Amino acid sequence: MISAMAAQDDAHPELAALTEEQRAWALHSEALWSRARALASARPDLDAGDLYHALRCLELTPGERLARGLSRGRLRAHSR
């Protein structure tokens, strides 16, 4: 009987050198990209990259999203 990891390595040989954690992240990322591309194909006015980013952000806690948004937008009292 073939293990699940061996089957994944056969389907994605480029993942064989990765740790289990890295492999899980890569497979999850590819699943999100597939979903983003599917959503974008139904709505040509939307960008798949933007949809991927939004899907990734949905995995963050509200506090993490706020902190990232504030640091990106430079919304700090003494940013200049």
C-alpha atoms as a PDB file:
ATOM      1  CA  MET A   1       0.000   0.000   0.000  1.00  0.00           C
ATOM      2  CA  ILE A   2       1.321   3.446  -0.976  1.00  0.00           C
ATOM      3  CA  SER A   3       1.367   6.104   1.732  1.00  0.00           C
ATOM      4  CA  ALA A   4      -0.372   9.432   1.186  1.00  0.00           C
ATOM      5  CA  MET A   5       2.973  11.273   1.215  1.00  0.00           C
ATOM      6  CA  ALA A   6       4.447   8.943  -1.424  1.00  0.00           C
ATOM      7  CA  ALA A   7       1.383   9.487  -3.613  1.00  0.00           C
ATOM      8  CA  GLN A   8       1.772  13.270  -3.246  1.00  0.00           C
ATOM      9  CA  ASP A   9       5.469  13.019  -4.122  1.00  0.00           C
ATOM     10  CA  ASP A  10       4.578  11.053  -7.258  1.00  0.00           C
ATOM     11  CA  ALA A  11       2.030  13.699  -8.275  1.00  0.00           C
ATOM     12  CA  HIS A  12       4.370  16.596  -7.362  1.00  0.00           C
ATOM     13  CA  PRO A  13       8.013  15.443  -7.547  1.00  0.00           C
ATOM     14  CA  GLU A  14       9.197  19.020  -6.961  1.00  0.00           C
ATOM     15  CA  LEU A  15       7.801  18.759  -3.402  1.00  0.00           C
ATOM     16  CA  ALA A  16       9.914  15.721  -2.466  1.00  0.00           C
ATOM     17  CA  ALA A  17      12.791  17.803  -1.052  1.00  0.00           C
ATOM     18  CA  LEU A  18      10.520  19.870   1.210  1.00  0.00           C
ATOM     19  CA  THR A  19       9.732  19.268   4.865  1.00  0.00           C
ATOM     20  CA  GLU A  20       6.202  18.165   5.733  1.00  0.00           C
ATOM     21  CA  GLU A  21       5.374  21.699   6.896  1.00  0.00           C
ATOM     22  CA  GLN A  22       6.723  23.266   3.698  1.00  0.00           C
ATOM     23  CA  ARG A  23       4.908  20.690   1.574  1.00  0.00           C
ATOM     24  CA  ALA A  24       1.613  21.370   3.373  1.00  0.00           C
ATOM     25  CA  TRP A  25       2.061  25.125   2.879  1.00  0.00           C
ATOM     26  CA  ALA A  26       2.848  24.698  -0.831  1.00  0.00           C
ATOM     27  CA  LEU A  27      -0.146  22.424  -1.439  1.00  0.00           C
ATOM     28  CA  HIS A  28      -2.455  24.771   0.479  1.00  0.00           C
ATOM     29  CA  SER A  29      -1.098  27.749  -1.448  1.00  0.00           C
ATOM     30  CA  GLU A  30      -1.702  25.990  -4.761  1.00  0.00           C
ATOM     31  CA  ALA A  31      -5.264  25.161  -3.683  1.00  0.00           C
ATOM     32  CA  LEU A  32      -5.851  28.846  -2.908  1.00  0.00           C
ATOM     33  CA  TRP A  33      -4.394  29.857  -6.283  1.00  0.00           C
ATOM     34  CA  SER A  34      -6.701  27.373  -8.021  1.00  0.00           C
ATOM     35  CA  ARG A  35      -9.674  28.828  -6.192  1.00  0.00           C
ATOM     36  CA  ALA A  36      -8.573  32.392  -6.999  1.00  0.00           C
ATOM     37  CA  ARG A  37      -8.179  31.549 -10.699  1.00  0.00           C
ATOM     38  CA  ALA A  38     -11.614  29.891 -10.753  1.00  0.00           C
ATOM     39  CA  LEU A  39     -13.210  32.940  -9.151  1.00  0.00           C
ATOM     40  CA  ALA A  40     -11.399  35.252 -11.578  1.00  0.00           C
ATOM     41  CA  SER A  41     -12.546  33.222 -14.578  1.00  0.00           C
ATOM     42  CA  ALA A  42     -16.134  33.860 -13.546  1.00  0.00           C
ATOM     43  CA  ARG A  43     -15.418  37.576 -13.027  1.00  0.00           C
ATOM     44  CA  PRO A  44     -12.945  38.904 -15.634  1.00  0.00           C
ATOM     45  CA  ASP A  45     -12.936  42.304 -13.912  1.00  0.00           C
ATOM     46  CA  LEU A  46     -11.174  40.740 -10.896  1.00  0.00           C
ATOM     47  CA  ASP A  47      -7.491  39.862 -10.681  1.00  0.00           C
ATOM     48  CA  ALA A  48      -6.553  36.339  -9.556  1.00  0.00           C
ATOM     49  CA  GLY A  49      -3.581  37.699  -7.591  1.00  0.00           C
ATOM     50  CA  ASP A  50      -5.806  40.076  -5.654  1.00  0.00           C
ATOM     51  CA  LEU A  51      -8.243  37.250  -4.948  1.00  0.00           C
ATOM     52  CA  TYR A  52      -5.399  35.013  -3.747  1.00  0.00           C
ATOM     53  CA  HIS A  53      -4.234  37.767  -1.400  1.00  0.00           C
ATOM     54  CA  ALA A  54      -7.774  38.203  -0.065  1.00  0.00           C
ATOM     55  CA  LEU A  55      -8.130  34.454   0.521  1.00  0.00           C
ATOM     56  CA  ARG A  56      -4.804  34.429   2.395  1.00  0.00           C
ATOM     57  CA  CYS A  57      -5.889  37.402   4.500  1.00  0.00           C
ATOM     58  CA  LEU A  58      -9.087  35.610   5.491  1.00  0.00           C
ATOM     59  CA  GLU A  59      -6.883  33.078   7.290  1.00  0.00           C
ATOM     60  CA  LEU A  60      -5.479  35.800   9.573  1.00  0.00           C
ATOM     61  CA  THR A  61      -7.093  36.926  12.800  1.00  0.00           C
ATOM     62  CA  PRO A  62      -8.734  40.370  12.731  1.00  0.00           C
ATOM     63  CA  GLY A  63      -5.880  41.720  14.868  1.00  0.00           C
ATOM     64  CA  GLU A  64      -3.268  40.414  12.434  1.00  0.00           C
ATOM     65  CA  ARG A  65      -5.135  41.915   9.478  1.00  0.00           C
ATOM     66  CA  LEU A  66      -5.360  45.281  11.258  1.00  0.00           C
ATOM     67  CA  ALA A  67      -1.665  45.285  12.165  1.00  0.00           C
ATOM     68  CA  ARG A  68      -0.653  44.453   8.605  1.00  0.00           C
ATOM     69  CA  GLY A  69      -2.987  47.046   7.151  1.00  0.00           C
ATOM     70  CA  LEU A  70      -1.663  49.741   9.446  1.00  0.00           C
ATOM     71  CA  SER A  71       1.959  48.894   8.705  1.00  0.00           C
ATOM     72  CA  ARG A  72       1.339  48.837   4.944  1.00  0.00           C
ATOM     73  CA  GLY A  73      -0.634  52.062   4.964  1.00  0.00           C
ATOM     74  CA  ARG A  74       1.886  53.731   7.255  1.00  0.00           C
ATOM     75  CA  LEU A  75      -0.955  54.972   9.430  1.00  0.00           C
ATOM     76  CA  ARG A  76       1.225  55.830  12.380  1.00  0.00           C
ATOM     77  CA  ALA A  77       1.432  59.074  14.296  1.00  0.00           C
ATOM     78  CA  HIS A  78       5.064  59.692  13.406  1.00  0.00           C
ATOM     79  CA  SER A  79       5.530  57.972  10.072  1.00  0.00           C
ATOM     80  CA  ARG A  80       7.457  60.844   8.458  1.00  0.00           C
END
